């Protein structure tokens, strides 16, 4: 199990990579983006969200 940092997590490529990692691995993901609400992902033991919560 590895720690993975994804910057610009709300971008198209980052979303695809995040979905793939969640399906196929047990890695811990740290997602950074400007607008957390745009991700539509819930924080849990494997996912940590960082960024602004506005709009």
PDB file of N, CA and C in Angstrom:
ATOM      1  N   UNK A   1       0.841  -1.172   0.000  1.00  0.00           N
ATOM      2  CA  UNK A   1       0.000   0.000   0.000  1.00  0.00           C
ATOM      3  C   UNK A   1       0.889   1.239   0.000  1.00  0.00           C
ATOM      4  N   UNK A   2       0.604   2.150  -0.920  1.00  0.00           N
ATOM      5  CA  UNK A   2       1.413   3.351  -1.069  1.00  0.00           C
ATOM      6  C   UNK A   2       0.570   4.594  -0.801  1.00  0.00           C
ATOM      7  N   UNK A   3       1.251   5.696  -0.562  1.00  0.00           N
ATOM      8  CA  UNK A   3       0.590   6.989  -0.451  1.00  0.00           C
ATOM      9  C   UNK A   3       0.711   7.682  -1.794  1.00  0.00           C
ATOM     10  N   UNK A   4      -0.419   8.184  -2.326  1.00  0.00           N
ATOM     11  CA  UNK A   4      -0.436   8.839  -3.630  1.00  0.00           C
ATOM     12  C   UNK A   4      -0.974  10.249  -3.462  1.00  0.00           C
ATOM     13  N   UNK A   5      -0.252  11.230  -3.982  1.00  0.00           N
ATOM     14  CA  UNK A   5      -0.663  12.629  -3.961  1.00  0.00           C
ATOM     15  C   UNK A   5      -1.106  13.011  -5.366  1.00  0.00           C
ATOM     16  N   UNK A   6      -2.322  13.550  -5.485  1.00  0.00           N
ATOM     17  CA  UNK A   6      -2.825  13.995  -6.780  1.00  0.00           C
ATOM     18  C   UNK A   6      -3.138  15.477  -6.676  1.00  0.00           C
ATOM     19  N   UNK A   7      -2.388  16.278  -7.436  1.00  0.00           N
ATOM     20  CA  UNK A   7      -2.604  17.725  -7.485  1.00  0.00           C
ATOM     21  C   UNK A   7      -3.542  18.036  -8.644  1.00  0.00           C
ATOM     22  N   UNK A   8      -4.400  19.017  -8.475  1.00  0.00           N
ATOM     23  CA  UNK A   8      -5.362  19.340  -9.522  1.00  0.00           C
ATOM     24  C   UNK A   8      -6.380  18.230  -9.677  1.00  0.00           C
ATOM     25  N   UNK A   9      -6.848  17.705  -8.551  1.00  0.00           N
ATOM     26  CA  UNK A   9      -7.705  16.511  -8.538  1.00  0.00           C
ATOM     27  C   UNK A   9      -9.030  16.676  -9.253  1.00  0.00           C
ATOM     28  N   UNK A  10      -9.464  17.900  -9.523  1.00  0.00           N
ATOM     29  CA  UNK A  10     -10.738  18.087 -10.212  1.00  0.00           C
ATOM     30  C   UNK A  10     -10.588  18.078 -11.735  1.00  0.00           C
ATOM     31  N   UNK A  11      -9.360  17.945 -12.220  1.00  0.00           N
ATOM     32  CA  UNK A  11      -9.120  17.879 -13.664  1.00  0.00           C
ATOM     33  C   UNK A  11      -9.512  16.533 -14.248  1.00  0.00           C
ATOM     34  N   UNK A  12      -9.669  16.496 -15.562  1.00  0.00           N
ATOM     35  CA  UNK A  12     -10.143  15.285 -16.237  1.00  0.00           C
ATOM     36  C   UNK A  12      -9.202  14.092 -16.047  1.00  0.00           C
ATOM     37  N   UNK A  13      -7.924  14.275 -16.273  1.00  0.00           N
ATOM     38  CA  UNK A  13      -6.974  13.170 -16.141  1.00  0.00           C
ATOM     39  C   UNK A  13      -6.881  12.722 -14.687  1.00  0.00           C
ATOM     40  N   UNK A  14      -6.844  13.674 -13.760  1.00  0.00           N
ATOM     41  CA  UNK A  14      -6.763  13.329 -12.346  1.00  0.00           C
ATOM     42  C   UNK A  14      -7.984  12.531 -11.895  1.00  0.00           C
ATOM     43  N   UNK A  15      -9.157  12.870 -12.402  1.00  0.00           N
ATOM     44  CA  UNK A  15     -10.377  12.119 -12.050  1.00  0.00           C
ATOM     45  C   UNK A  15     -10.296  10.685 -12.558  1.00  0.00           C
ATOM     46  N   UNK A  16      -9.809  10.516 -13.781  1.00  0.00           N
ATOM     47  CA  UNK A  16      -9.679   9.168 -14.336  1.00  0.00           C
ATOM     48  C   UNK A  16      -8.673   8.339 -13.539  1.00  0.00           C
ATOM     49  N   UNK A  17      -7.546   8.952 -13.198  1.00  0.00           N
ATOM     50  CA  UNK A  17      -6.520   8.253 -12.415  1.00  0.00           C
ATOM     51  C   UNK A  17      -7.073   7.886 -11.032  1.00  0.00           C
ATOM     52  N   UNK A  18      -7.793   8.813 -10.403  1.00  0.00           N
ATOM     53  CA  UNK A  18      -8.373   8.558  -9.082  1.00  0.00           C
ATOM     54  C   UNK A  18      -9.337   7.389  -9.142  1.00  0.00           C
ATOM     55  N   UNK A  19     -10.232   7.378 -10.115  1.00  0.00           N
ATOM     56  CA  UNK A  19     -11.192   6.275 -10.252  1.00  0.00           C
ATOM     57  C   UNK A  19     -10.483   4.947 -10.438  1.00  0.00           C
ATOM     58  N   UNK A  20      -9.448   4.936 -11.266  1.00  0.00           N
ATOM     59  CA  UNK A  20      -8.700   3.701 -11.530  1.00  0.00           C
ATOM     60  C   UNK A  20      -7.987   3.207 -10.267  1.00  0.00           C
ATOM     61  N   UNK A  21      -7.361   4.119  -9.538  1.00  0.00           N
ATOM     62  CA  UNK A  21      -6.660   3.734  -8.314  1.00  0.00           C
ATOM     63  C   UNK A  21      -7.633   3.196  -7.265  1.00  0.00           C
ATOM     64  N   UNK A  22      -8.805   3.798  -7.153  1.00  0.00           N
ATOM     65  CA  UNK A  22      -9.800   3.331  -6.190  1.00  0.00           C
ATOM     66  C   UNK A  22     -10.321   1.941  -6.547  1.00  0.00           C
ATOM     67  N   UNK A  23     -10.452   1.656  -7.838  1.00  0.00           N
ATOM     68  CA  UNK A  23     -10.936   0.343  -8.282  1.00  0.00           C
ATOM     69  C   UNK A  23      -9.904  -0.756  -8.078  1.00  0.00           C
ATOM     70  N   UNK A  24      -8.636  -0.448  -8.386  1.00  0.00           N
ATOM     71  CA  UNK A  24      -7.634  -1.499  -8.514  1.00  0.00           C
ATOM     72  C   UNK A  24      -6.622  -1.591  -7.382  1.00  0.00           C
ATOM     73  N   UNK A  25      -6.595  -0.613  -6.471  1.00  0.00           N
ATOM     74  CA  UNK A  25      -5.574  -0.642  -5.423  1.00  0.00           C
ATOM     75  C   UNK A  25      -6.182  -0.316  -4.068  1.00  0.00           C
ATOM     76  N   UNK A  26      -5.370  -0.433  -3.047  1.00  0.00           N
ATOM     77  CA  UNK A  26      -5.730  -0.035  -1.687  1.00  0.00           C
ATOM     78  C   UNK A  26      -4.864   1.137  -1.237  1.00  0.00           C
ATOM     79  N   UNK A  27      -4.311   1.890  -2.187  1.00  0.00           N
ATOM     80  CA  UNK A  27      -3.439   3.023  -1.877  1.00  0.00           C
ATOM     81  C   UNK A  27      -4.192   4.113  -1.125  1.00  0.00           C
ATOM     82  N   UNK A  28      -3.471   4.870  -0.327  1.00  0.00           N
ATOM     83  CA  UNK A  28      -4.017   6.043   0.356  1.00  0.00           C
ATOM     84  C   UNK A  28      -3.866   7.226  -0.588  1.00  0.00           C
ATOM     85  N   UNK A  29      -4.980   7.896  -0.889  1.00  0.00           N
ATOM     86  CA  UNK A  29      -4.968   9.005  -1.834  1.00  0.00           C
ATOM     87  C   UNK A  29      -5.141  10.336  -1.104  1.00  0.00           C
ATOM     88  N   UNK A  30      -4.306  11.299  -1.446  1.00  0.00           N
ATOM     89  CA  UNK A  30      -4.448  12.675  -0.975  1.00  0.00           C
ATOM     90  C   UNK A  30      -4.749  13.515  -2.203  1.00  0.00           C
ATOM     91  N   UNK A  31      -5.952  14.105  -2.233  1.00  0.00           N
ATOM     92  CA  UNK A  31      -6.415  14.849  -3.392  1.00  0.00           C
ATOM     93  C   UNK A  31      -6.442  16.337  -3.081  1.00  0.00           C
ATOM     94  N   UNK A  32      -5.758  17.138  -3.881  1.00  0.00           N
ATOM     95  CA  UNK A  32      -5.731  18.588  -3.731  1.00  0.00           C
ATOM     96  C   UNK A  32      -6.455  19.223  -4.916  1.00  0.00           C
ATOM     97  N   UNK A  33      -7.367  20.154  -4.623  1.00  0.00           N
ATOM     98  CA  UNK A  33      -8.033  20.896  -5.689  1.00  0.00           C
ATOM     99  C   UNK A  33      -8.574  22.206  -5.137  1.00  0.00           C
ATOM    100  N   UNK A  34      -8.976  23.095  -6.029  1.00  0.00           N
ATOM    101  CA  UNK A  34      -9.512  24.383  -5.605  1.00  0.00           C
ATOM    102  C   UNK A  34     -10.900  24.247  -5.013  1.00  0.00           C
ATOM    103  N   UNK A  35     -11.734  23.405  -5.615  1.00  0.00           N
ATOM    104  CA  UNK A  35     -13.121  23.273  -5.193  1.00  0.00           C
ATOM    105  C   UNK A  35     -13.419  21.813  -4.859  1.00  0.00           C
ATOM    106  N   UNK A  36     -13.389  21.478  -3.589  1.00  0.00           N
ATOM    107  CA  UNK A  36     -13.580  20.102  -3.142  1.00  0.00           C
ATOM    108  C   UNK A  36     -14.947  19.564  -3.556  1.00  0.00           C
ATOM    109  N   UNK A  37     -15.961  20.413  -3.520  1.00  0.00           N
ATOM    110  CA  UNK A  37     -17.320  19.961  -3.843  1.00  0.00           C
ATOM    111  C   UNK A  37     -17.438  19.455  -5.276  1.00  0.00           C
ATOM    112  N   UNK A  38     -16.575  19.890  -6.163  1.00  0.00           N
ATOM    113  CA  UNK A  38     -16.651  19.453  -7.554  1.00  0.00           C
ATOM    114  C   UNK A  38     -16.171  18.005  -7.731  1.00  0.00           C
ATOM    115  N   UNK A  39     -15.536  17.436  -6.721  1.00  0.00           N
ATOM    116  CA  UNK A  39     -14.994  16.081  -6.840  1.00  0.00           C
ATOM    117  C   UNK A  39     -16.059  14.993  -6.714  1.00  0.00           C
ATOM    118  N   UNK A  40     -17.100  15.243  -5.945  1.00  0.00           N
ATOM    119  CA  UNK A  40     -18.132  14.234  -5.691  1.00  0.00           C
ATOM    120  C   UNK A  40     -17.547  12.943  -5.120  1.00  0.00           C
ATOM    121  N   UNK A  41     -16.579  13.089  -4.228  1.00  0.00           N
ATOM    122  CA  UNK A  41     -15.939  11.952  -3.557  1.00  0.00           C
ATOM    123  C   UNK A  41     -16.037  12.173  -2.058  1.00  0.00           C
ATOM    124  N   UNK A  42     -16.363  11.142  -1.335  1.00  0.00           N
ATOM    125  CA  UNK A  42     -16.438  11.226   0.109  1.00  0.00           C
ATOM    126  C   UNK A  42     -15.087  10.862   0.729  1.00  0.00           C
ATOM    127  N   UNK A  43     -14.686  11.621   1.720  1.00  0.00           N
ATOM    128  CA  UNK A  43     -13.445  11.341   2.433  1.00  0.00           C
ATOM    129  C   UNK A  43     -13.642  10.106   3.305  1.00  0.00           C
ATOM    130  N   UNK A  44     -12.666   9.207   3.309  1.00  0.00           N
ATOM    131  CA  UNK A  44     -12.704   8.026   4.174  1.00  0.00           C
ATOM    132  C   UNK A  44     -11.278   7.667   4.585  1.00  0.00           C
ATOM    133  N   UNK A  45     -11.059   6.428   5.001  1.00  0.00           N
ATOM    134  CA  UNK A  45      -9.732   6.014   5.478  1.00  0.00           C
ATOM    135  C   UNK A  45      -8.671   6.024   4.383  1.00  0.00           C
ATOM    136  N   UNK A  46      -9.081   5.891   3.124  1.00  0.00           N
ATOM    137  CA  UNK A  46      -8.126   5.837   2.009  1.00  0.00           C
ATOM    138  C   UNK A  46      -8.052   7.142   1.225  1.00  0.00           C
ATOM    139  N   UNK A  47      -8.997   8.051   1.468  1.00  0.00           N
ATOM    140  CA  UNK A  47      -9.059   9.295   0.698  1.00  0.00           C
ATOM    141  C   UNK A  47      -9.050  10.490   1.638  1.00  0.00           C
ATOM    142  N   UNK A  48      -8.130  11.419   1.383  1.00  0.00           N
ATOM    143  CA  UNK A  48      -8.056  12.664   2.150  1.00  0.00           C
ATOM    144  C   UNK A  48      -8.150  13.820   1.161  1.00  0.00           C
ATOM    145  N   UNK A  49      -9.095  14.737   1.410  1.00  0.00           N
ATOM    146  CA  UNK A  49      -9.343  15.861   0.515  1.00  0.00           C
ATOM    147  C   UNK A  49      -8.766  17.143   1.092  1.00  0.00           C
ATOM    148  N   UNK A  50      -8.134  17.950   0.238  1.00  0.00           N
ATOM    149  CA  UNK A  50      -7.550  19.224   0.656  1.00  0.00           C
ATOM    150  C   UNK A  50      -7.902  20.278  -0.393  1.00  0.00           C
ATOM    151  N   UNK A  51      -8.287  21.454   0.076  1.00  0.00           N
ATOM    152  CA  UNK A  51      -8.595  22.563  -0.824  1.00  0.00           C
ATOM    153  C   UNK A  51      -9.675  23.442  -0.212  1.00  0.00           C
ATOM    154  N   UNK A  52     -10.247  24.295  -1.043  1.00  0.00           N
ATOM    155  CA  UNK A  52     -11.284  25.211  -0.589  1.00  0.00           C
ATOM    156  C   UNK A  52     -12.648  24.543  -0.700  1.00  0.00           C
ATOM    157  N   UNK A  53     -13.556  24.924   0.175  1.00  0.00           N
ATOM    158  CA  UNK A  53     -14.905  24.369   0.200  1.00  0.00           C
ATOM    159  C   UNK A  53     -15.935  25.370  -0.304  1.00  0.00           C
ATOM    160  N   UNK A  54     -15.527  26.339  -1.060  1.00  0.00           N
ATOM    161  CA  UNK A  54     -16.459  27.376  -1.501  1.00  0.00           C
ATOM    162  C   UNK A  54     -17.084  27.031  -2.852  1.00  0.00           C
ATOM    163  N   UNK A  55     -18.285  27.512  -3.061  1.00  0.00           N
ATOM    164  CA  UNK A  55     -19.066  27.330  -4.278  1.00  0.00           C
ATOM    165  C   UNK A  55     -19.069  25.897  -4.677  1.00  0.00           C
TER     166      UNK A  55
END
